[in-house]
Structures are given as C-alpha cells and as structure tokens.
Amino acid sequence: MAGGRVALVTGAAGGIGRATCARLAADGWLVAVADLNGDAANSVAAGLGGKHRSYRADVRDEAAVIGLFAAVDAELGAVTALVCHAGGTPYTPEYHPRIAELSLDDWLSGEALNSRTAFLCVREFLRHRSRSPVADARIVLTASQAAHQGGGPAGVAYGAFKAAVIGLMKHAAIEGARFGITCNAIAPGAVDTTALSTTNAPPAIEAMKQRVPVRRIGTPEEMAATVAFLVSPGASYINGATIDVNGGGLMR
C-alpha cells in the first residue's frame, strides 16, 4: 500500500488514464485526477470515492500546469508520483497525412499534445521536489510504440513527439536522481480505448491485431498495471527505462 501518498495523473479521463487512477486508488494512493475535460475528471474522481479530487487543467499551458501543482499541493499534499498520460493525435480514419501533406498547425498540435504537456509537468514536478524532496518520488511518462517505428497510422506528428517524450524521460532520470526521483516511460502499442476507435477504421484495428504476436490489442488495465509497478517501491532501481507494453508488436 502506498500509505496515502499523492499521485497526480494527467489525461486522467481517457481510457488509460481512467484505468490508472482506478489502479492507483486501489493500491492506496490518493489520486489527483487531472484532465482538460473537467466533467469527465469529476466523474472519474467520484467513481474512486474517498478523498480523491479532480482538476480541470489544460496541461499544454504553462500557467495552468503551475496552478495545477499548487492546487494539488494545497489540497491533497505533496505530489509523490507524476503520471503523464495527456496526449493524442489530431488524425481521423479519413485523415492520415504524409510528411509532405502535413500542415504546420498539425505538427505544432502534435508537439503541444504530446511533448509540451510532458515537459511542463516534469519541469514543475522537479521544481517542487527539488525544493521539498519526498521519499520514493516517481515520474512515469507515456510514450508509444510509434516512437520506435516510422510510418504508423498515428502519423509523424504523433510518433516524432512521443520519441521526444523518451528523450525527455532520459534527461529527467539523470537530473531527478540526485533528489531521489526516478523517471521512466511506458510505450503502449495499440490499446482498446475510444481514442483508438475514433482515429482508426475497423479494418485498420483488425490489421493491428494481426501484427501483434499475441493476436490482440492491449487493455487500459494492462497499461495501468505497468504504471502501478513503476511507482511502487519494488521499482526503485528502475530509472531511465522505457517499458514496451505491446504484446510483442515491436518485434514485427
């Protein structure tokens, strides 16, 4: 049990985020549920019961991230674990542009959704915990199998900035270590979420399954279980690692 330690989860109303909040709450964490969709964040926090709290926050915005950490510190206590799930792609089943077709706006949207959100939250966490260290502090970032492979259906602006998340994680792992902070990333493959079905047509999802050796896509709960391990005391010697959670799909 985590003994009431505070975990801040961004992108908490999405499929993986929701599952992560539920798993951490079950493990004894006090969860700060943060999402751009305030109503959805409220719903997640209410489902957890207890003293868990929701926060509406656009973590693409610097001032919003600073305010989020201040609010959580004041209302729940010092954040021990930061889990960054916020991210996504602007693409749809009908719109999967190649590099030559990609607009600058879509490129910048990919940066804001995926790497800027992680950077701002990691920076604020390191600022807080360097001033006020806590035991067993953890950062878990969400990358993607797309960070390792080119040409994926999520598109270049997603894959490129998820790769940037891995680079950020490695720097944070080095800088945070002297304050007792570890930083790692998970890199999910295809996961059964609403986001997957809204950005991929059914034939594309079936093709994804066939490319995975275990012949299925992952569940949000499987991603959450990996996060739960990385923030646990048992993962204290894991630092700067990317954990691929993809059923072996990266081997193909």
C-alpha atoms as a PDB file:
ATOM      1  CA  MET A   1       0.000   0.000   0.000  1.00  0.00           C
ATOM      2  CA  ALA A   2       1.171   3.489  -0.786  1.00  0.00           C
ATOM      3  CA  GLY A   3       0.189   4.854   2.615  1.00  0.00           C
ATOM      4  CA  GLY A   4      -1.804   7.812   1.347  1.00  0.00           C
ATOM      5  CA  ARG A   5       0.891   9.217  -0.936  1.00  0.00           C
ATOM      6  CA  VAL A   6      -0.345  11.538  -3.674  1.00  0.00           C
ATOM      7  CA  ALA A   7      -0.308  10.616  -7.357  1.00  0.00           C
ATOM      8  CA  LEU A   8      -1.083  13.261  -9.982  1.00  0.00           C
ATOM      9  CA  VAL A   9      -2.395  11.717 -13.207  1.00  0.00           C
ATOM     10  CA  THR A  10      -2.823  13.883 -16.319  1.00  0.00           C
ATOM     11  CA  GLY A  11      -5.042  12.816 -19.200  1.00  0.00           C
ATOM     12  CA  ALA A  12      -6.885  11.036 -16.418  1.00  0.00           C
ATOM     13  CA  ALA A  13     -10.280  10.864 -18.099  1.00  0.00           C
ATOM     14  CA  GLY A  14      -9.025   8.885 -21.098  1.00  0.00           C
ATOM     15  CA  GLY A  15      -9.070   5.111 -21.238  1.00  0.00           C
ATOM     16  CA  ILE A  16      -5.551   4.520 -19.919  1.00  0.00           C
ATOM     17  CA  GLY A  17      -5.776   7.473 -17.539  1.00  0.00           C
ATOM     18  CA  ARG A  18      -9.047   6.286 -16.042  1.00  0.00           C
ATOM     19  CA  ALA A  19      -7.670   2.777 -15.552  1.00  0.00           C
ATOM     20  CA  THR A  20      -4.509   4.175 -13.969  1.00  0.00           C
ATOM     21  CA  CYS A  21      -6.496   6.257 -11.489  1.00  0.00           C
ATOM     22  CA  ALA A  22      -8.552   3.214 -10.504  1.00  0.00           C
ATOM     23  CA  ARG A  23      -5.473   1.028 -10.063  1.00  0.00           C
ATOM     24  CA  LEU A  24      -3.531   3.582  -8.031  1.00  0.00           C
ATOM     25  CA  ALA A  25      -6.531   4.279  -5.814  1.00  0.00           C
ATOM     26  CA  ALA A  26      -6.907   0.534  -5.233  1.00  0.00           C
ATOM     27  CA  ASP A  27      -3.210   0.402  -4.302  1.00  0.00           C
ATOM     28  CA  GLY A  28      -3.734   3.062  -1.632  1.00  0.00           C
ATOM     29  CA  TRP A  29      -2.697   6.219  -3.435  1.00  0.00           C
ATOM     30  CA  LEU A  30      -4.526   9.499  -3.034  1.00  0.00           C
ATOM     31  CA  VAL A  31      -5.193  10.441  -6.656  1.00  0.00           C
ATOM     32  CA  ALA A  32      -5.350  13.896  -8.214  1.00  0.00           C
ATOM     33  CA  VAL A  33      -7.389  13.349 -11.381  1.00  0.00           C
ATOM     34  CA  ALA A  34      -6.414  15.996 -13.957  1.00  0.00           C
ATOM     35  CA  ASP A  35      -7.909  16.396 -17.409  1.00  0.00           C
ATOM     36  CA  LEU A  36      -8.888  19.076 -19.909  1.00  0.00           C
ATOM     37  CA  ASN A  37     -12.444  17.721 -19.705  1.00  0.00           C
ATOM     38  CA  GLY A  38     -13.456  18.843 -16.235  1.00  0.00           C
ATOM     39  CA  ASP A  39     -16.765  16.971 -16.191  1.00  0.00           C
ATOM     40  CA  ALA A  40     -15.073  13.719 -17.143  1.00  0.00           C
ATOM     41  CA  ALA A  41     -12.401  14.271 -14.496  1.00  0.00           C
ATOM     42  CA  ASN A  42     -15.140  14.832 -11.918  1.00  0.00           C
ATOM     43  CA  SER A  43     -16.748  11.559 -12.958  1.00  0.00           C
ATOM     44  CA  VAL A  44     -13.505   9.630 -12.583  1.00  0.00           C
ATOM     45  CA  ALA A  45     -12.768  11.101  -9.158  1.00  0.00           C
ATOM     46  CA  ALA A  46     -16.329  10.467  -7.977  1.00  0.00           C
ATOM     47  CA  GLY A  47     -16.027   6.845  -9.062  1.00  0.00           C
ATOM     48  CA  LEU A  48     -12.905   6.443  -6.947  1.00  0.00           C
ATOM     49  CA  GLY A  49     -14.687   7.676  -3.829  1.00  0.00           C
ATOM     50  CA  GLY A  50     -12.859   8.785  -0.725  1.00  0.00           C
ATOM     51  CA  LYS A  51     -10.731  11.925  -0.745  1.00  0.00           C
ATOM     52  CA  HIS A  52      -9.585  11.738  -4.354  1.00  0.00           C
ATOM     53  CA  ARG A  53     -10.034  15.033  -6.202  1.00  0.00           C
ATOM     54  CA  SER A  54     -10.479  16.179  -9.781  1.00  0.00           C
ATOM     55  CA  TYR A  55      -8.842  19.129 -11.513  1.00  0.00           C
ATOM     56  CA  ARG A  56      -9.668  20.683 -14.853  1.00  0.00           C
ATOM     57  CA  ALA A  57      -6.340  21.618 -16.428  1.00  0.00           C
ATOM     58  CA  ASP A  58      -5.031  22.226 -19.922  1.00  0.00           C
ATOM     59  CA  VAL A  59      -1.519  20.899 -19.424  1.00  0.00           C
ATOM     60  CA  ARG A  60      -0.429  22.393 -22.753  1.00  0.00           C
ATOM     61  CA  ASP A  61      -0.498  25.737 -20.934  1.00  0.00           C
ATOM     62  CA  GLU A  62       2.379  26.753 -18.661  1.00  0.00           C
ATOM     63  CA  ALA A  63       0.288  28.799 -16.229  1.00  0.00           C
ATOM     64  CA  ALA A  64      -2.282  26.020 -15.967  1.00  0.00           C
ATOM     65  CA  VAL A  65       0.388  23.466 -15.039  1.00  0.00           C
ATOM     66  CA  ILE A  66       1.877  25.746 -12.393  1.00  0.00           C
ATOM     67  CA  GLY A  67      -1.583  26.333 -10.968  1.00  0.00           C
ATOM     68  CA  LEU A  68      -2.401  22.616 -11.049  1.00  0.00           C
ATOM     69  CA  PHE A  69       0.602  21.647  -8.950  1.00  0.00           C
ATOM     70  CA  ALA A  70      -0.071  24.469  -6.494  1.00  0.00           C
ATOM     71  CA  ALA A  71      -3.687  23.371  -6.101  1.00  0.00           C
ATOM     72  CA  VAL A  72      -2.825  19.707  -5.576  1.00  0.00           C
ATOM     73  CA  ASP A  73      -0.115  20.564  -3.047  1.00  0.00           C
ATOM     74  CA  ALA A  74      -2.550  22.769  -1.120  1.00  0.00           C
ATOM     75  CA  GLU A  75      -5.493  20.380  -1.194  1.00  0.00           C
ATOM     76  CA  LEU A  76      -4.005  16.878  -1.150  1.00  0.00           C
ATOM     77  CA  GLY A  77      -0.372  17.306  -0.168  1.00  0.00           C
ATOM     78  CA  ALA A  78       2.983  16.959  -1.884  1.00  0.00           C
ATOM     79  CA  VAL A  79       2.842  15.022  -5.142  1.00  0.00           C
ATOM     80  CA  THR A  80       4.911  11.862  -4.827  1.00  0.00           C
ATOM     81  CA  ALA A  81       4.186  10.357  -8.239  1.00  0.00           C
ATOM     82  CA  LEU A  82       3.553  12.163 -11.517  1.00  0.00           C
ATOM     83  CA  VAL A  83       1.931  10.095 -14.267  1.00  0.00           C
ATOM     84  CA  CYS A  84       1.635  11.897 -17.610  1.00  0.00           C
ATOM     85  CA  HIS A  85      -0.958  10.299 -19.869  1.00  0.00           C
ATOM     86  CA  ALA A  86      -2.101  13.505 -21.584  1.00  0.00           C
ATOM     87  CA  GLY A  87      -1.537  13.281 -25.316  1.00  0.00           C
ATOM     88  CA  GLY A  88      -3.115  12.292 -28.571  1.00  0.00           C
ATOM     89  CA  THR A  89      -3.297  12.794 -32.315  1.00  0.00           C
ATOM     90  CA  PRO A  90      -5.473  15.142 -34.400  1.00  0.00           C
ATOM     91  CA  TYR A  91      -5.932  12.494 -37.067  1.00  0.00           C
ATOM     92  CA  THR A  92      -9.104  10.617 -38.027  1.00  0.00           C
ATOM     93  CA  PRO A  93      -9.667   7.461 -40.104  1.00  0.00           C
ATOM     94  CA  GLU A  94     -10.054   9.757 -43.120  1.00  0.00           C
ATOM     95  CA  TYR A  95      -7.035  11.977 -42.412  1.00  0.00           C
ATOM     96  CA  HIS A  96      -3.624  10.360 -42.100  1.00  0.00           C
ATOM     97  CA  PRO A  97      -1.289  12.806 -43.883  1.00  0.00           C
ATOM     98  CA  ARG A  98       2.213  12.011 -45.012  1.00  0.00           C
ATOM     99  CA  ILE A  99       5.002  14.421 -44.121  1.00  0.00           C
ATOM    100  CA  ALA A 100       4.707  16.265 -47.419  1.00  0.00           C
ATOM    101  CA  GLU A 101       0.990  16.804 -46.794  1.00  0.00           C
ATOM    102  CA  LEU A 102       1.221  17.726 -43.112  1.00  0.00           C
ATOM    103  CA  SER A 103       0.308  21.270 -42.130  1.00  0.00           C
ATOM    104  CA  LEU A 104       2.421  23.251 -39.699  1.00  0.00           C
ATOM    105  CA  ASP A 105      -0.638  23.605 -37.461  1.00  0.00           C
ATOM    106  CA  ASP A 106      -0.968  19.828 -37.190  1.00  0.00           C
ATOM    107  CA  TRP A 107       2.756  19.489 -36.454  1.00  0.00           C
ATOM    108  CA  LEU A 108       2.507  22.076 -33.681  1.00  0.00           C
ATOM    109  CA  SER A 109      -0.637  20.423 -32.365  1.00  0.00           C
ATOM    110  CA  GLY A 110       1.266  17.147 -32.060  1.00  0.00           C
ATOM    111  CA  GLU A 111       4.044  18.922 -30.171  1.00  0.00           C
ATOM    112  CA  ALA A 112       1.627  20.616 -27.790  1.00  0.00           C
ATOM    113  CA  LEU A 113      -0.405  17.487 -27.073  1.00  0.00           C
ATOM    114  CA  ASN A 114       2.439  15.068 -26.592  1.00  0.00           C
ATOM    115  CA  SER A 115       5.815  16.582 -25.721  1.00  0.00           C
ATOM    116  CA  ARG A 116       4.926  20.013 -24.350  1.00  0.00           C
ATOM    117  CA  THR A 117       2.453  18.524 -21.879  1.00  0.00           C
ATOM    118  CA  ALA A 118       5.091  16.126 -20.588  1.00  0.00           C
ATOM    119  CA  PHE A 119       7.801  18.799 -20.420  1.00  0.00           C
ATOM    120  CA  LEU A 120       5.709  21.309 -18.477  1.00  0.00           C
ATOM    121  CA  CYS A 121       4.554  18.719 -15.939  1.00  0.00           C
ATOM    122  CA  VAL A 122       8.000  17.177 -15.472  1.00  0.00           C
ATOM    123  CA  ARG A 123       9.577  20.592 -15.067  1.00  0.00           C
ATOM    124  CA  GLU A 124       7.056  21.616 -12.414  1.00  0.00           C
ATOM    125  CA  PHE A 125       7.409  18.301 -10.563  1.00  0.00           C
ATOM    126  CA  LEU A 126      11.199  18.645 -10.497  1.00  0.00           C
ATOM    127  CA  ARG A 127      10.918  22.217  -9.261  1.00  0.00           C
ATOM    128  CA  HIS A 128       8.645  21.187  -6.389  1.00  0.00           C
ATOM    129  CA  ARG A 129      10.515  18.051  -5.403  1.00  0.00           C
ATOM    130  CA  SER A 130      13.975  19.625  -5.632  1.00  0.00           C
ATOM    131  CA  ARG A 131      12.833  22.238  -3.111  1.00  0.00           C
ATOM    132  CA  SER A 132      10.919  19.748  -0.954  1.00  0.00           C
ATOM    133  CA  PRO A 133      12.132  16.182  -1.546  1.00  0.00           C
ATOM    134  CA  VAL A 134       9.893  13.234  -0.694  1.00  0.00           C
ATOM    135  CA  ALA A 135      10.731   9.566  -0.363  1.00  0.00           C
ATOM    136  CA  ASP A 136      10.271   7.306  -3.397  1.00  0.00           C
ATOM    137  CA  ALA A 137       9.334  10.084  -5.806  1.00  0.00           C
ATOM    138  CA  ARG A 138       8.363   8.818  -9.250  1.00  0.00           C
ATOM    139  CA  ILE A 139       7.697  10.127 -12.745  1.00  0.00           C
ATOM    140  CA  VAL A 140       6.067   7.937 -15.392  1.00  0.00           C
ATOM    141  CA  LEU A 141       5.666   9.330 -18.900  1.00  0.00           C
ATOM    142  CA  THR A 142       3.559   7.860 -21.675  1.00  0.00           C
ATOM    143  CA  ALA A 143       5.401   7.353 -24.942  1.00  0.00           C
ATOM    144  CA  SER A 144       4.212   4.958 -27.640  1.00  0.00           C
ATOM    145  CA  GLN A 145       5.288   2.089 -29.834  1.00  0.00           C
ATOM    146  CA  ALA A 146       5.021   4.738 -32.563  1.00  0.00           C
ATOM    147  CA  ALA A 147       8.096   6.418 -31.064  1.00  0.00           C
ATOM    148  CA  HIS A 148      10.163   3.414 -32.177  1.00  0.00           C
ATOM    149  CA  GLN A 149       8.615   2.793 -35.595  1.00  0.00           C
ATOM    150  CA  GLY A 150       8.075   5.035 -38.591  1.00  0.00           C
ATOM    151  CA  GLY A 151       5.042   5.053 -40.828  1.00  0.00           C
ATOM    152  CA  GLY A 152       2.475   4.147 -38.193  1.00  0.00           C
ATOM    153  CA  PRO A 153      -1.200   5.076 -38.501  1.00  0.00           C
ATOM    154  CA  ALA A 154      -0.945   7.672 -35.732  1.00  0.00           C
ATOM    155  CA  GLY A 155       1.196   9.787 -38.042  1.00  0.00           C
ATOM    156  CA  VAL A 156       4.506  11.604 -37.923  1.00  0.00           C
ATOM    157  CA  ALA A 157       3.429  14.396 -35.570  1.00  0.00           C
ATOM    158  CA  TYR A 158       2.469  11.753 -33.008  1.00  0.00           C
ATOM    159  CA  GLY A 159       5.413   9.392 -33.415  1.00  0.00           C
ATOM    160  CA  ALA A 160       8.013  12.159 -33.519  1.00  0.00           C
ATOM    161  CA  PHE A 161       6.833  13.829 -30.342  1.00  0.00           C
ATOM    162  CA  LYS A 162       6.342  10.550 -28.494  1.00  0.00           C
ATOM    163  CA  ALA A 163      10.003   9.910 -29.330  1.00  0.00           C
ATOM    164  CA  ALA A 164      10.730  13.316 -27.799  1.00  0.00           C
ATOM    165  CA  VAL A 165       8.983  12.117 -24.638  1.00  0.00           C
ATOM    166  CA  ILE A 166      11.513   9.285 -24.370  1.00  0.00           C
ATOM    167  CA  GLY A 167      14.363  11.769 -24.738  1.00  0.00           C
ATOM    168  CA  LEU A 168      12.851  13.980 -22.050  1.00  0.00           C
ATOM    169  CA  MET A 169      12.460  10.969 -19.777  1.00  0.00           C
ATOM    170  CA  LYS A 170      16.159  10.128 -20.018  1.00  0.00           C
ATOM    171  CA  HIS A 171      17.210  13.644 -19.096  1.00  0.00           C
ATOM    172  CA  ALA A 172      14.737  13.739 -16.189  1.00  0.00           C
ATOM    173  CA  ALA A 173      16.022  10.365 -14.973  1.00  0.00           C
ATOM    174  CA  ILE A 174      19.523  11.809 -14.658  1.00  0.00           C
ATOM    175  CA  GLU A 175      18.547  15.197 -13.229  1.00  0.00           C
ATOM    176  CA  GLY A 176      15.973  13.806 -10.825  1.00  0.00           C
ATOM    177  CA  ALA A 177      18.135  11.035  -9.389  1.00  0.00           C
ATOM    178  CA  ARG A 178      20.007  13.340  -7.022  1.00  0.00           C
ATOM    179  CA  PHE A 179      16.677  14.276  -5.440  1.00  0.00           C
ATOM    180  CA  GLY A 180      15.579  10.658  -5.071  1.00  0.00           C
ATOM    181  CA  ILE A 181      13.313  10.803  -8.137  1.00  0.00           C
ATOM    182  CA  THR A 182      13.169   8.079 -10.760  1.00  0.00           C
ATOM    183  CA  CYS A 183      11.734   8.704 -14.218  1.00  0.00           C
ATOM    184  CA  ASN A 184      10.606   6.031 -16.646  1.00  0.00           C
ATOM    185  CA  ALA A 185       8.245   5.706 -19.582  1.00  0.00           C
ATOM    186  CA  ILE A 186       5.749   3.210 -20.853  1.00  0.00           C
ATOM    187  CA  ALA A 187       5.379   2.738 -24.603  1.00  0.00           C
ATOM    188  CA  PRO A 188       1.998   1.164 -25.305  1.00  0.00           C
ATOM    189  CA  GLY A 189       1.130  -0.495 -28.559  1.00  0.00           C
ATOM    190  CA  ALA A 190      -2.487  -0.462 -29.717  1.00  0.00           C
ATOM    191  CA  VAL A 191      -4.818  -0.223 -26.709  1.00  0.00           C
ATOM    192  CA  ASP A 192      -8.585  -0.737 -26.644  1.00  0.00           C
ATOM    193  CA  THR A 193      -9.706   2.839 -25.999  1.00  0.00           C
ATOM    194  CA  THR A 194     -12.174   5.270 -27.501  1.00  0.00           C
ATOM    195  CA  ALA A 195      -9.252   7.205 -28.934  1.00  0.00           C
ATOM    196  CA  LEU A 196      -8.142   4.137 -30.904  1.00  0.00           C
ATOM    197  CA  SER A 197     -11.566   3.590 -32.456  1.00  0.00           C
ATOM    198  CA  THR A 198     -12.063   7.256 -33.346  1.00  0.00           C
ATOM    199  CA  THR A 199      -8.722   7.591 -35.134  1.00  0.00           C
ATOM    200  CA  ASN A 200      -8.701   4.214 -36.912  1.00  0.00           C
ATOM    201  CA  ALA A 201     -11.240   2.455 -39.104  1.00  0.00           C
ATOM    202  CA  PRO A 202     -12.258  -1.110 -38.066  1.00  0.00           C
ATOM    203  CA  PRO A 203     -10.158  -2.785 -40.796  1.00  0.00           C
ATOM    204  CA  ALA A 204      -7.091  -0.909 -39.555  1.00  0.00           C
ATOM    205  CA  ILE A 205      -7.705  -2.081 -35.985  1.00  0.00           C
ATOM    206  CA  GLU A 206      -8.073  -5.674 -37.174  1.00  0.00           C
ATOM    207  CA  ALA A 207      -4.800  -5.335 -39.066  1.00  0.00           C
ATOM    208  CA  MET A 208      -3.144  -4.100 -35.864  1.00  0.00           C
ATOM    209  CA  LYS A 209      -4.260  -7.259 -34.066  1.00  0.00           C
ATOM    210  CA  GLN A 210      -2.767  -9.453 -36.757  1.00  0.00           C
ATOM    211  CA  ARG A 211       0.609  -7.721 -36.460  1.00  0.00           C
ATOM    212  CA  VAL A 212       0.825  -8.473 -32.730  1.00  0.00           C
ATOM    213  CA  PRO A 213       2.198 -11.938 -31.849  1.00  0.00           C
ATOM    214  CA  VAL A 214      -0.468 -12.431 -29.144  1.00  0.00           C
ATOM    215  CA  ARG A 215      -3.133 -11.567 -31.779  1.00  0.00           C
ATOM    216  CA  ARG A 216      -4.976  -8.927 -29.789  1.00  0.00           C
ATOM    217  CA  ILE A 217      -4.665  -5.328 -28.702  1.00  0.00           C
ATOM    218  CA  GLY A 218      -3.943  -4.315 -25.143  1.00  0.00           C
ATOM    219  CA  THR A 219      -6.309  -3.171 -22.423  1.00  0.00           C
ATOM    220  CA  PRO A 220      -6.114   0.046 -20.408  1.00  0.00           C
ATOM    221  CA  GLU A 221      -5.833  -2.072 -17.272  1.00  0.00           C
ATOM    222  CA  GLU A 222      -2.654  -3.708 -18.578  1.00  0.00           C
ATOM    223  CA  MET A 223      -1.089  -0.289 -19.118  1.00  0.00           C
ATOM    224  CA  ALA A 224      -2.227   0.794 -15.647  1.00  0.00           C
ATOM    225  CA  ALA A 225      -0.637  -2.283 -14.090  1.00  0.00           C
ATOM    226  CA  THR A 226       2.720  -1.331 -15.595  1.00  0.00           C
ATOM    227  CA  VAL A 227       2.393   2.210 -14.255  1.00  0.00           C
ATOM    228  CA  ALA A 228       1.460   0.868 -10.827  1.00  0.00           C
ATOM    229  CA  PHE A 229       4.625  -1.207 -10.755  1.00  0.00           C
ATOM    230  CA  LEU A 230       6.843   1.681 -11.833  1.00  0.00           C
ATOM    231  CA  VAL A 231       5.577   3.898  -8.998  1.00  0.00           C
ATOM    232  CA  SER A 232       5.865   1.111  -6.433  1.00  0.00           C
ATOM    233  CA  PRO A 233       8.771   0.593  -4.002  1.00  0.00           C
ATOM    234  CA  GLY A 234       9.707  -2.523  -5.960  1.00  0.00           C
ATOM    235  CA  ALA A 235      10.718  -0.388  -8.947  1.00  0.00           C
ATOM    236  CA  SER A 236      13.138   1.802  -7.016  1.00  0.00           C
ATOM    237  CA  TYR A 237      16.153   0.669  -9.078  1.00  0.00           C
ATOM    238  CA  ILE A 238      14.486   1.182 -12.442  1.00  0.00           C
ATOM    239  CA  ASN A 239      15.414   4.588 -13.820  1.00  0.00           C
ATOM    240  CA  GLY A 240      15.610   5.916 -17.375  1.00  0.00           C
ATOM    241  CA  ALA A 241      13.849   2.882 -18.834  1.00  0.00           C
ATOM    242  CA  THR A 242      11.175   2.618 -21.499  1.00  0.00           C
ATOM    243  CA  ILE A 243       8.857  -0.318 -20.861  1.00  0.00           C
ATOM    244  CA  ASP A 244       7.289  -1.591 -24.088  1.00  0.00           C
ATOM    245  CA  VAL A 245       3.770  -2.874 -23.413  1.00  0.00           C
ATOM    246  CA  ASN A 246       2.651  -4.132 -26.793  1.00  0.00           C
ATOM    247  CA  GLY A 247       2.196  -7.897 -26.848  1.00  0.00           C
ATOM    248  CA  GLY A 248       5.440  -8.279 -28.777  1.00  0.00           C
ATOM    249  CA  GLY A 249       4.331  -5.996 -31.573  1.00  0.00           C
ATOM    250  CA  LEU A 250       7.624  -4.109 -31.588  1.00  0.00           C
ATOM    251  CA  MET A 251       9.386  -7.255 -32.823  1.00  0.00           C
ATOM    252  CA  ARG A 252       7.470  -7.119 -36.116  1.00  0.00           C
END
